[in-house]
PDB file of all heavy atoms in Angstrom:
ATOM      1  N   LEU A   1       0.845  -1.191   0.000  1.00  0.00           N
ATOM      2  CA  LEU A   1       0.000   0.000   0.000  1.00  0.00           C
ATOM      3  C   LEU A   1       0.881   1.241   0.000  1.00  0.00           C
ATOM      4  O   LEU A   1       1.904   1.281   0.688  1.00  0.00           O
ATOM      5  CB  LEU A   1      -0.921   0.021   1.213  1.00  0.00           C
ATOM      6  CG  LEU A   1      -2.131  -0.919   1.182  1.00  0.00           C
ATOM      7  CD1 LEU A   1      -2.819  -0.943   2.539  1.00  0.00           C
ATOM      8  CD2 LEU A   1      -3.122  -0.533   0.088  1.00  0.00           C
ATOM      9  N   VAL A   2       0.468   2.225  -0.753  1.00  0.00           N
ATOM     10  CA  VAL A   2       1.178   3.503  -0.815  1.00  0.00           C
ATOM     11  C   VAL A   2       0.270   4.594  -0.260  1.00  0.00           C
ATOM     12  O   VAL A   2      -0.913   4.682  -0.627  1.00  0.00           O
ATOM     13  CB  VAL A   2       1.598   3.848  -2.256  1.00  0.00           C
ATOM     14  CG1 VAL A   2       2.070   5.296  -2.360  1.00  0.00           C
ATOM     15  CG2 VAL A   2       2.699   2.898  -2.720  1.00  0.00           C
ATOM     16  N   VAL A   3       0.819   5.399   0.624  1.00  0.00           N
ATOM     17  CA  VAL A   3       0.126   6.597   1.108  1.00  0.00           C
ATOM     18  C   VAL A   3       0.882   7.808   0.570  1.00  0.00           C
ATOM     19  O   VAL A   3       2.106   7.887   0.677  1.00  0.00           O
ATOM     20  CB  VAL A   3       0.096   6.659   2.648  1.00  0.00           C
ATOM     21  CG1 VAL A   3      -0.606   7.937   3.113  1.00  0.00           C
ATOM     22  CG2 VAL A   3      -0.603   5.427   3.211  1.00  0.00           C
ATOM     23  N   GLU A   4       0.136   8.729  -0.011  1.00  0.00           N
ATOM     24  CA  GLU A   4       0.775   9.916  -0.601  1.00  0.00           C
ATOM     25  C   GLU A   4       0.008  11.178  -0.208  1.00  0.00           C
ATOM     26  O   GLU A   4      -1.234  11.208  -0.299  1.00  0.00           O
ATOM     27  CB  GLU A   4       0.831   9.796  -2.120  1.00  0.00           C
ATOM     28  CG  GLU A   4       1.523  10.961  -2.810  1.00  0.00           C
ATOM     29  CD  GLU A   4       1.647  10.763  -4.305  1.00  0.00           C
ATOM     30  OE1 GLU A   4       1.189   9.715  -4.824  1.00  0.00           O
ATOM     31  OE2 GLU A   4       2.190  11.664  -4.971  1.00  0.00           O
ATOM     32  N   ASP A   5       0.738  12.162   0.256  1.00  0.00           N
ATOM     33  CA  ASP A   5       0.174  13.489   0.476  1.00  0.00           C
ATOM     34  C   ASP A   5       0.612  14.355  -0.701  1.00  0.00           C
ATOM     35  O   ASP A   5       1.772  14.760  -0.796  1.00  0.00           O
ATOM     36  CB  ASP A   5       0.683  14.083   1.792  1.00  0.00           C
ATOM     37  CG  ASP A   5       0.000  15.402   2.141  1.00  0.00           C
ATOM     38  OD1 ASP A   5      -0.172  16.236   1.214  1.00  0.00           O
ATOM     39  OD2 ASP A   5      -0.347  15.591   3.317  1.00  0.00           O
ATOM     40  N   GLU A   6      -0.321  14.615  -1.605  1.00  0.00           N
ATOM     41  CA  GLU A   6       0.022  15.316  -2.848  1.00  0.00           C
ATOM     42  C   GLU A   6       0.393  16.778  -2.589  1.00  0.00           C
ATOM     43  O   GLU A   6       1.232  17.352  -3.284  1.00  0.00           O
ATOM     44  CB  GLU A   6      -1.141  15.211  -3.825  1.00  0.00           C
ATOM     45  CG  GLU A   6      -1.441  13.755  -4.216  1.00  0.00           C
ATOM     46  CD  GLU A   6      -2.728  13.606  -4.988  1.00  0.00           C
ATOM     47  OE1 GLU A   6      -3.418  14.650  -5.203  1.00  0.00           O
ATOM     48  OE2 GLU A   6      -3.072  12.467  -5.374  1.00  0.00           O
ATOM     49  N   ARG A   7      -0.197  17.386  -1.566  1.00  0.00           N
ATOM     50  CA  ARG A   7       0.110  18.783  -1.264  1.00  0.00           C
ATOM     51  C   ARG A   7       1.515  18.923  -0.683  1.00  0.00           C
ATOM     52  O   ARG A   7       2.270  19.828  -1.082  1.00  0.00           O
ATOM     53  CB  ARG A   7      -0.927  19.338  -0.279  1.00  0.00           C
ATOM     54  CG  ARG A   7      -0.683  20.814   0.134  1.00  0.00           C
ATOM     55  CD  ARG A   7      -1.816  21.312   1.022  1.00  0.00           C
ATOM     56  NE  ARG A   7      -1.879  20.575   2.264  1.00  0.00           N
ATOM     57  CZ  ARG A   7      -1.236  20.902   3.384  1.00  0.00           C
ATOM     58  NH1 ARG A   7      -0.454  21.977   3.408  1.00  0.00           N
ATOM     59  NH2 ARG A   7      -1.367  20.187   4.488  1.00  0.00           N
ATOM     60  N   LEU A   8       1.882  18.046   0.204  1.00  0.00           N
ATOM     61  CA  LEU A   8       3.193  18.121   0.843  1.00  0.00           C
ATOM     62  C   LEU A   8       4.272  17.346   0.086  1.00  0.00           C
ATOM     63  O   LEU A   8       5.442  17.396   0.471  1.00  0.00           O
ATOM     64  CB  LEU A   8       3.101  17.590   2.275  1.00  0.00           C
ATOM     65  CG  LEU A   8       2.158  18.347   3.214  1.00  0.00           C
ATOM     66  CD1 LEU A   8       2.096  17.675   4.581  1.00  0.00           C
ATOM     67  CD2 LEU A   8       2.597  19.804   3.348  1.00  0.00           C
ATOM     68  N   ASP A   9       3.848  16.639  -0.966  1.00  0.00           N
ATOM     69  CA  ASP A   9       4.774  15.836  -1.774  1.00  0.00           C
ATOM     70  C   ASP A   9       5.533  14.839  -0.909  1.00  0.00           C
ATOM     71  O   ASP A   9       6.750  14.706  -0.989  1.00  0.00           O
ATOM     72  CB  ASP A   9       5.757  16.734  -2.534  1.00  0.00           C
ATOM     73  CG  ASP A   9       6.493  15.960  -3.638  1.00  0.00           C
ATOM     74  OD1 ASP A   9       5.937  14.967  -4.123  1.00  0.00           O
ATOM     75  OD2 ASP A   9       7.622  16.368  -3.999  1.00  0.00           O
ATOM     76  N   ARG A  10       4.790  14.117  -0.075  1.00  0.00           N
ATOM     77  CA  ARG A  10       5.367  13.078   0.787  1.00  0.00           C
ATOM     78  C   ARG A  10       4.637  11.765   0.503  1.00  0.00           C
ATOM     79  O   ARG A  10       3.406  11.736   0.387  1.00  0.00           O
ATOM     80  CB  ARG A  10       5.212  13.445   2.269  1.00  0.00           C
ATOM     81  CG  ARG A  10       5.979  14.695   2.693  1.00  0.00           C
ATOM     82  CD  ARG A  10       7.442  14.417   2.928  1.00  0.00           C
ATOM     83  NE  ARG A  10       7.637  13.443   3.987  1.00  0.00           N
ATOM     84  CZ  ARG A  10       7.611  13.748   5.291  1.00  0.00           C
ATOM     85  NH1 ARG A  10       7.344  15.002   5.695  1.00  0.00           N
ATOM     86  NH2 ARG A  10       7.832  12.813   6.193  1.00  0.00           N
ATOM     87  N   ALA A  11       5.402  10.691   0.419  1.00  0.00           N
ATOM     88  CA  ALA A  11       4.794   9.389   0.128  1.00  0.00           C
ATOM     89  C   ALA A  11       5.614   8.284   0.780  1.00  0.00           C
ATOM     90  O   ALA A  11       6.839   8.392   0.917  1.00  0.00           O
ATOM     91  CB  ALA A  11       4.705   9.163  -1.374  1.00  0.00           C
ATOM     92  N   ARG A  12       4.929   7.233   1.178  1.00  0.00           N
ATOM     93  CA  ARG A  12       5.589   6.043   1.706  1.00  0.00           C
ATOM     94  C   ARG A  12       4.890   4.793   1.199  1.00  0.00           C
ATOM     95  O   ARG A  12       3.664   4.779   1.015  1.00  0.00           O
ATOM     96  CB  ARG A  12       5.585   6.046   3.233  1.00  0.00           C
ATOM     97  CG  ARG A  12       6.526   7.069   3.851  1.00  0.00           C
ATOM     98  CD  ARG A  12       6.622   6.910   5.352  1.00  0.00           C
ATOM     99  NE  ARG A  12       7.451   7.962   5.933  1.00  0.00           N
ATOM    100  CZ  ARG A  12       7.693   8.089   7.228  1.00  0.00           C
ATOM    101  NH1 ARG A  12       7.171   7.237   8.082  1.00  0.00           N
ATOM    102  NH2 ARG A  12       8.452   9.069   7.680  1.00  0.00           N
ATOM    103  N   LEU A  13       5.693   3.766   1.000  1.00  0.00           N
ATOM    104  CA  LEU A  13       5.162   2.462   0.605  1.00  0.00           C
ATOM    105  C   LEU A  13       5.243   1.537   1.813  1.00  0.00           C
ATOM    106  O   LEU A  13       6.308   1.399   2.429  1.00  0.00           O
ATOM    107  CB  LEU A  13       5.958   1.901  -0.566  1.00  0.00           C
ATOM    108  CG  LEU A  13       5.516   0.542  -1.116  1.00  0.00           C
ATOM    109  CD1 LEU A  13       5.662   0.512  -2.633  1.00  0.00           C
ATOM    110  CD2 LEU A  13       6.315  -0.608  -0.492  1.00  0.00           C
ATOM    111  N   TYR A  14       4.115   0.921   2.158  1.00  0.00           N
ATOM    112  CA  TYR A  14       4.038   0.019   3.309  1.00  0.00           C
ATOM    113  C   TYR A  14       3.975  -1.428   2.811  1.00  0.00           C
ATOM    114  O   TYR A  14       3.094  -1.791   2.030  1.00  0.00           O
ATOM    115  CB  TYR A  14       2.824   0.349   4.174  1.00  0.00           C
ATOM    116  CG  TYR A  14       2.937   1.708   4.851  1.00  0.00           C
ATOM    117  CD1 TYR A  14       2.390   2.852   4.281  1.00  0.00           C
ATOM    118  CD2 TYR A  14       3.617   1.837   6.062  1.00  0.00           C
ATOM    119  CE1 TYR A  14       2.508   4.090   4.895  1.00  0.00           C
ATOM    120  CE2 TYR A  14       3.736   3.061   6.692  1.00  0.00           C
ATOM    121  CZ  TYR A  14       3.186   4.190   6.100  1.00  0.00           C
ATOM    122  OH  TYR A  14       3.310   5.415   6.720  1.00  0.00           O
ATOM    123  N   ASN A  15       4.909  -2.213   3.309  1.00  0.00           N
ATOM    124  CA  ASN A  15       5.142  -3.555   2.802  1.00  0.00           C
ATOM    125  C   ASN A  15       5.048  -4.555   3.959  1.00  0.00           C
ATOM    126  O   ASN A  15       5.862  -4.521   4.876  1.00  0.00           O
ATOM    127  CB  ASN A  15       6.543  -3.582   2.148  1.00  0.00           C
ATOM    128  CG  ASN A  15       7.004  -4.968   1.787  1.00  0.00           C
ATOM    129  OD1 ASN A  15       6.235  -5.923   1.776  1.00  0.00           O
ATOM    130  ND2 ASN A  15       8.291  -5.094   1.502  1.00  0.00           N
ATOM    131  N   TYR A  16       4.065  -5.452   3.903  1.00  0.00           N
ATOM    132  CA  TYR A  16       3.872  -6.446   4.958  1.00  0.00           C
ATOM    133  C   TYR A  16       4.637  -7.738   4.684  1.00  0.00           C
ATOM    134  O   TYR A  16       4.397  -8.751   5.356  1.00  0.00           O
ATOM    135  CB  TYR A  16       2.386  -6.768   5.113  1.00  0.00           C
ATOM    136  CG  TYR A  16       1.591  -5.702   5.840  1.00  0.00           C
ATOM    137  CD1 TYR A  16       1.159  -4.557   5.158  1.00  0.00           C
ATOM    138  CD2 TYR A  16       1.268  -5.834   7.175  1.00  0.00           C
ATOM    139  CE1 TYR A  16       0.425  -3.577   5.816  1.00  0.00           C
ATOM    140  CE2 TYR A  16       0.532  -4.868   7.846  1.00  0.00           C
ATOM    141  CZ  TYR A  16       0.117  -3.740   7.152  1.00  0.00           C
ATOM    142  OH  TYR A  16      -0.597  -2.771   7.806  1.00  0.00           O
ATOM    143  N   GLY A  17       5.546  -7.718   3.744  1.00  0.00           N
ATOM    144  CA  GLY A  17       6.240  -8.944   3.356  1.00  0.00           C
ATOM    145  C   GLY A  17       7.700  -8.990   3.736  1.00  0.00           C
ATOM    146  O   GLY A  17       8.486  -9.691   3.093  1.00  0.00           O
ATOM    147  N   MET A  18       8.109  -8.281   4.771  1.00  0.00           N
ATOM    148  CA  MET A  18       9.507  -8.253   5.171  1.00  0.00           C
ATOM    149  C   MET A  18       9.835  -9.442   6.080  1.00  0.00           C
ATOM    150  O   MET A  18       9.063  -9.781   6.970  1.00  0.00           O
ATOM    151  CB  MET A  18       9.823  -6.950   5.912  1.00  0.00           C
ATOM    152  CG  MET A  18       9.489  -5.681   5.138  1.00  0.00           C
ATOM    153  SD  MET A  18      10.526  -5.453   3.690  1.00  0.00           S
ATOM    154  CE  MET A  18      12.101  -5.093   4.465  1.00  0.00           C
ATOM    155  N   PHE A  19      10.976 -10.095   5.818  1.00  0.00           N
ATOM    156  CA  PHE A  19      11.445 -11.154   6.707  1.00  0.00           C
ATOM    157  C   PHE A  19      12.959 -11.244   6.613  1.00  0.00           C
ATOM    158  O   PHE A  19      13.573 -10.745   5.671  1.00  0.00           O
ATOM    159  CB  PHE A  19      10.800 -12.505   6.364  1.00  0.00           C
ATOM    160  CG  PHE A  19      11.157 -13.049   5.004  1.00  0.00           C
ATOM    161  CD1 PHE A  19      12.177 -13.978   4.857  1.00  0.00           C
ATOM    162  CD2 PHE A  19      10.454 -12.650   3.874  1.00  0.00           C
ATOM    163  CE1 PHE A  19      12.504 -14.486   3.619  1.00  0.00           C
ATOM    164  CE2 PHE A  19      10.772 -13.154   2.624  1.00  0.00           C
ATOM    165  CZ  PHE A  19      11.800 -14.075   2.494  1.00  0.00           C
ATOM    166  N   SER A  20      13.549 -11.887   7.588  1.00  0.00           N
ATOM    167  CA  SER A  20      15.000 -11.942   7.688  1.00  0.00           C
ATOM    168  C   SER A  20      15.561 -13.085   6.848  1.00  0.00           C
ATOM    169  O   SER A  20      15.037 -14.199   6.869  1.00  0.00           O
ATOM    170  CB  SER A  20      15.427 -12.142   9.144  1.00  0.00           C
ATOM    171  OG  SER A  20      16.816 -12.387   9.224  1.00  0.00           O
ATOM    172  N   PHE A  21      16.634 -12.798   6.115  1.00  0.00           N
ATOM    173  CA  PHE A  21      17.320 -13.822   5.345  1.00  0.00           C
ATOM    174  C   PHE A  21      18.496 -14.412   6.137  1.00  0.00           C
ATOM    175  O   PHE A  21      19.464 -14.875   5.559  1.00  0.00           O
ATOM    176  CB  PHE A  21      17.852 -13.232   4.031  1.00  0.00           C
ATOM    177  CG  PHE A  21      16.781 -13.009   3.006  1.00  0.00           C
ATOM    178  CD1 PHE A  21      16.122 -11.790   2.930  1.00  0.00           C
ATOM    179  CD2 PHE A  21      16.423 -14.004   2.120  1.00  0.00           C
ATOM    180  CE1 PHE A  21      15.139 -11.579   1.975  1.00  0.00           C
ATOM    181  CE2 PHE A  21      15.440 -13.805   1.179  1.00  0.00           C
ATOM    182  CZ  PHE A  21      14.792 -12.583   1.099  1.00  0.00           C
ATOM    183  N   GLY A  22      18.410 -14.417   7.455  1.00  0.00           N
ATOM    184  CA  GLY A  22      19.500 -14.903   8.286  1.00  0.00           C
ATOM    185  C   GLY A  22      19.699 -16.393   8.166  1.00  0.00           C
ATOM    186  O   GLY A  22      18.946 -17.117   7.488  1.00  0.00           O
ATOM    187  N   ASP A  23      20.721 -16.896   8.851  1.00  0.00           N
ATOM    188  CA  ASP A  23      21.078 -18.306   8.781  1.00  0.00           C
ATOM    189  C   ASP A  23      19.958 -19.223   9.255  1.00  0.00           C
ATOM    190  O   ASP A  23      19.861 -20.375   8.824  1.00  0.00           O
ATOM    191  CB  ASP A  23      22.341 -18.564   9.619  1.00  0.00           C
ATOM    192  CG  ASP A  23      23.573 -17.868   9.060  1.00  0.00           C
ATOM    193  OD1 ASP A  23      23.559 -17.556   7.849  1.00  0.00           O
ATOM    194  OD2 ASP A  23      24.524 -17.637   9.825  1.00  0.00           O
ATOM    195  N   ASP A  24      19.118 -18.728  10.161  1.00  0.00           N
ATOM    196  CA  ASP A  24      18.065 -19.573  10.712  1.00  0.00           C
ATOM    197  C   ASP A  24      16.729 -19.399   9.995  1.00  0.00           C
ATOM    198  O   ASP A  24      15.715 -19.944  10.440  1.00  0.00           O
ATOM    199  CB  ASP A  24      17.887 -19.286  12.196  1.00  0.00           C
ATOM    200  CG  ASP A  24      17.510 -17.822  12.462  1.00  0.00           C
ATOM    201  OD1 ASP A  24      17.605 -17.003  11.532  1.00  0.00           O
ATOM    202  OD2 ASP A  24      17.141 -17.519  13.612  1.00  0.00           O
ATOM    203  N   MET A  25      16.735 -18.653   8.878  1.00  0.00           N
ATOM    204  CA  MET A  25      15.477 -18.395   8.178  1.00  0.00           C
ATOM    205  C   MET A  25      14.827 -19.687   7.684  1.00  0.00           C
ATOM    206  O   MET A  25      13.635 -19.925   7.889  1.00  0.00           O
ATOM    207  CB  MET A  25      15.695 -17.433   7.002  1.00  0.00           C
ATOM    208  CG  MET A  25      14.409 -16.992   6.299  1.00  0.00           C
ATOM    209  SD  MET A  25      13.850 -18.053   4.950  1.00  0.00           S
ATOM    210  CE  MET A  25      15.034 -17.634   3.671  1.00  0.00           C
ATOM    211  N   LEU A  26      15.610 -20.567   7.025  1.00  0.00           N
ATOM    212  CA  LEU A  26      15.048 -21.801   6.490  1.00  0.00           C
ATOM    213  C   LEU A  26      14.562 -22.716   7.597  1.00  0.00           C
ATOM    214  O   LEU A  26      13.536 -23.388   7.462  1.00  0.00           O
ATOM    215  CB  LEU A  26      16.090 -22.516   5.624  1.00  0.00           C
ATOM    216  CG  LEU A  26      16.427 -21.840   4.289  1.00  0.00           C
ATOM    217  CD1 LEU A  26      17.512 -22.635   3.553  1.00  0.00           C
ATOM    218  CD2 LEU A  26      15.178 -21.729   3.411  1.00  0.00           C
ATOM    219  N   VAL A  27      15.279 -22.736   8.706  1.00  0.00           N
ATOM    220  CA  VAL A  27      14.857 -23.563   9.842  1.00  0.00           C
ATOM    221  C   VAL A  27      13.530 -23.061  10.395  1.00  0.00           C
ATOM    222  O   VAL A  27      12.604 -23.844  10.654  1.00  0.00           O
ATOM    223  CB  VAL A  27      15.935 -23.568  10.940  1.00  0.00           C
ATOM    224  CG1 VAL A  27      15.437 -24.306  12.176  1.00  0.00           C
ATOM    225  CG2 VAL A  27      17.223 -24.197  10.421  1.00  0.00           C
ATOM    226  N   LYS A  28      13.416 -21.751  10.566  1.00  0.00           N
ATOM    227  CA  LYS A  28      12.170 -21.176  11.089  1.00  0.00           C
ATOM    228  C   LYS A  28      11.002 -21.434  10.134  1.00  0.00           C
ATOM    229  O   LYS A  28       9.891 -21.738  10.568  1.00  0.00           O
ATOM    230  CB  LYS A  28      12.340 -19.675  11.314  1.00  0.00           C
ATOM    231  CG  LYS A  28      13.237 -19.327  12.493  1.00  0.00           C
ATOM    232  CD  LYS A  28      13.349 -17.821  12.671  1.00  0.00           C
ATOM    233  CE  LYS A  28      14.189 -17.476  13.883  1.00  0.00           C
ATOM    234  NZ  LYS A  28      14.331 -16.010  14.051  1.00  0.00           N
ATOM    235  N   PHE A  29      11.273 -21.301   8.822  1.00  0.00           N
ATOM    236  CA  PHE A  29      10.211 -21.568   7.846  1.00  0.00           C
ATOM    237  C   PHE A  29       9.790 -23.037   7.906  1.00  0.00           C
ATOM    238  O   PHE A  29       8.600 -23.359   7.887  1.00  0.00           O
ATOM    239  CB  PHE A  29      10.677 -21.204   6.447  1.00  0.00           C
ATOM    240  CG  PHE A  29       9.644 -21.495   5.388  1.00  0.00           C
ATOM    241  CD1 PHE A  29       8.563 -20.645   5.212  1.00  0.00           C
ATOM    242  CD2 PHE A  29       9.740 -22.624   4.590  1.00  0.00           C
ATOM    243  CE1 PHE A  29       7.590 -20.919   4.252  1.00  0.00           C
ATOM    244  CE2 PHE A  29       8.776 -22.904   3.627  1.00  0.00           C
ATOM    245  CZ  PHE A  29       7.701 -22.045   3.457  1.00  0.00           C
ATOM    246  N   ALA A  30      10.787 -23.940   7.949  1.00  0.00           N
ATOM    247  CA  ALA A  30      10.485 -25.368   8.009  1.00  0.00           C
ATOM    248  C   ALA A  30       9.695 -25.720   9.264  1.00  0.00           C
ATOM    249  O   ALA A  30       8.859 -26.626   9.247  1.00  0.00           O
ATOM    250  CB  ALA A  30      11.770 -26.178   7.952  1.00  0.00           C
ATOM    251  N   MET A  31       9.940 -24.994  10.348  1.00  0.00           N
ATOM    252  CA  MET A  31       9.239 -25.259  11.598  1.00  0.00           C
ATOM    253  C   MET A  31       7.888 -24.551  11.673  1.00  0.00           C
ATOM    254  O   MET A  31       7.141 -24.736  12.626  1.00  0.00           O
ATOM    255  CB  MET A  31      10.102 -24.809  12.781  1.00  0.00           C
ATOM    256  CG  MET A  31      11.439 -25.553  12.896  1.00  0.00           C
ATOM    257  SD  MET A  31      11.254 -27.309  13.238  1.00  0.00           S
ATOM    258  CE  MET A  31      10.672 -27.265  14.924  1.00  0.00           C
ATOM    259  N   GLY A  32       7.572 -23.727  10.668  1.00  0.00           N
ATOM    260  CA  GLY A  32       6.316 -22.983  10.690  1.00  0.00           C
ATOM    261  C   GLY A  32       6.321 -21.848  11.683  1.00  0.00           C
ATOM    262  O   GLY A  32       5.272 -21.462  12.201  1.00  0.00           O
ATOM    263  N   ARG A  33       7.504 -21.315  11.973  1.00  0.00           N
ATOM    264  CA  ARG A  33       7.633 -20.271  12.991  1.00  0.00           C
ATOM    265  C   ARG A  33       8.396 -19.068  12.446  1.00  0.00           C
ATOM    266  O   ARG A  33       9.228 -18.482  13.139  1.00  0.00           O
ATOM    267  CB  ARG A  33       8.342 -20.849  14.226  1.00  0.00           C
ATOM    268  CG  ARG A  33       7.571 -22.014  14.857  1.00  0.00           C
ATOM    269  CD  ARG A  33       8.425 -22.859  15.773  1.00  0.00           C
ATOM    270  NE  ARG A  33       7.744 -24.103  16.102  1.00  0.00           N
ATOM    271  CZ  ARG A  33       8.327 -25.132  16.703  1.00  0.00           C
ATOM    272  NH1 ARG A  33       9.608 -25.055  17.034  1.00  0.00           N
ATOM    273  NH2 ARG A  33       7.660 -26.233  16.956  1.00  0.00           N
ATOM    274  N   LEU A  34       8.121 -18.711  11.210  1.00  0.00           N
ATOM    275  CA  LEU A  34       8.807 -17.593  10.581  1.00  0.00           C
ATOM    276  C   LEU A  34       8.013 -16.312  10.828  1.00  0.00           C
ATOM    277  O   LEU A  34       6.827 -16.227  10.495  1.00  0.00           O
ATOM    278  CB  LEU A  34       8.946 -17.841   9.070  1.00  0.00           C
ATOM    279  CG  LEU A  34       9.730 -16.805   8.280  1.00  0.00           C
ATOM    280  CD1 LEU A  34      11.166 -16.693   8.799  1.00  0.00           C
ATOM    281  CD2 LEU A  34       9.739 -17.149   6.799  1.00  0.00           C
ATOM    282  N   TRP A  35       8.679 -15.337  11.419  1.00  0.00           N
ATOM    283  CA  TRP A  35       8.035 -14.057  11.707  1.00  0.00           C
ATOM    284  C   TRP A  35       8.313 -13.064  10.586  1.00  0.00           C
ATOM    285  O   TRP A  35       9.450 -12.923  10.136  1.00  0.00           O
ATOM    286  CB  TRP A  35       8.536 -13.502  13.043  1.00  0.00           C
ATOM    287  CG  TRP A  35       7.952 -14.233  14.203  1.00  0.00           C
ATOM    288  CD1 TRP A  35       8.372 -15.409  14.733  1.00  0.00           C
ATOM    289  CD2 TRP A  35       6.800 -13.845  14.967  1.00  0.00           C
ATOM    290  NE1 TRP A  35       7.571 -15.789  15.784  1.00  0.00           N
ATOM    291  CE2 TRP A  35       6.599 -14.840  15.951  1.00  0.00           C
ATOM    292  CE3 TRP A  35       5.928 -12.756  14.916  1.00  0.00           C
ATOM    293  CZ2 TRP A  35       5.564 -14.782  16.865  1.00  0.00           C
ATOM    294  CZ3 TRP A  35       4.905 -12.692  15.842  1.00  0.00           C
ATOM    295  CH2 TRP A  35       4.722 -13.705  16.803  1.00  0.00           C
TER     296      TRP A  35
END
């Protein structure tokens, strides 16, 4: 989702799909415990 204030020329994109690519990422995914 993008929120934009056209008058102030300010905008941000909100992304709910962020996750860590750390060493334990695959383990957490395999365990069903990925945040």
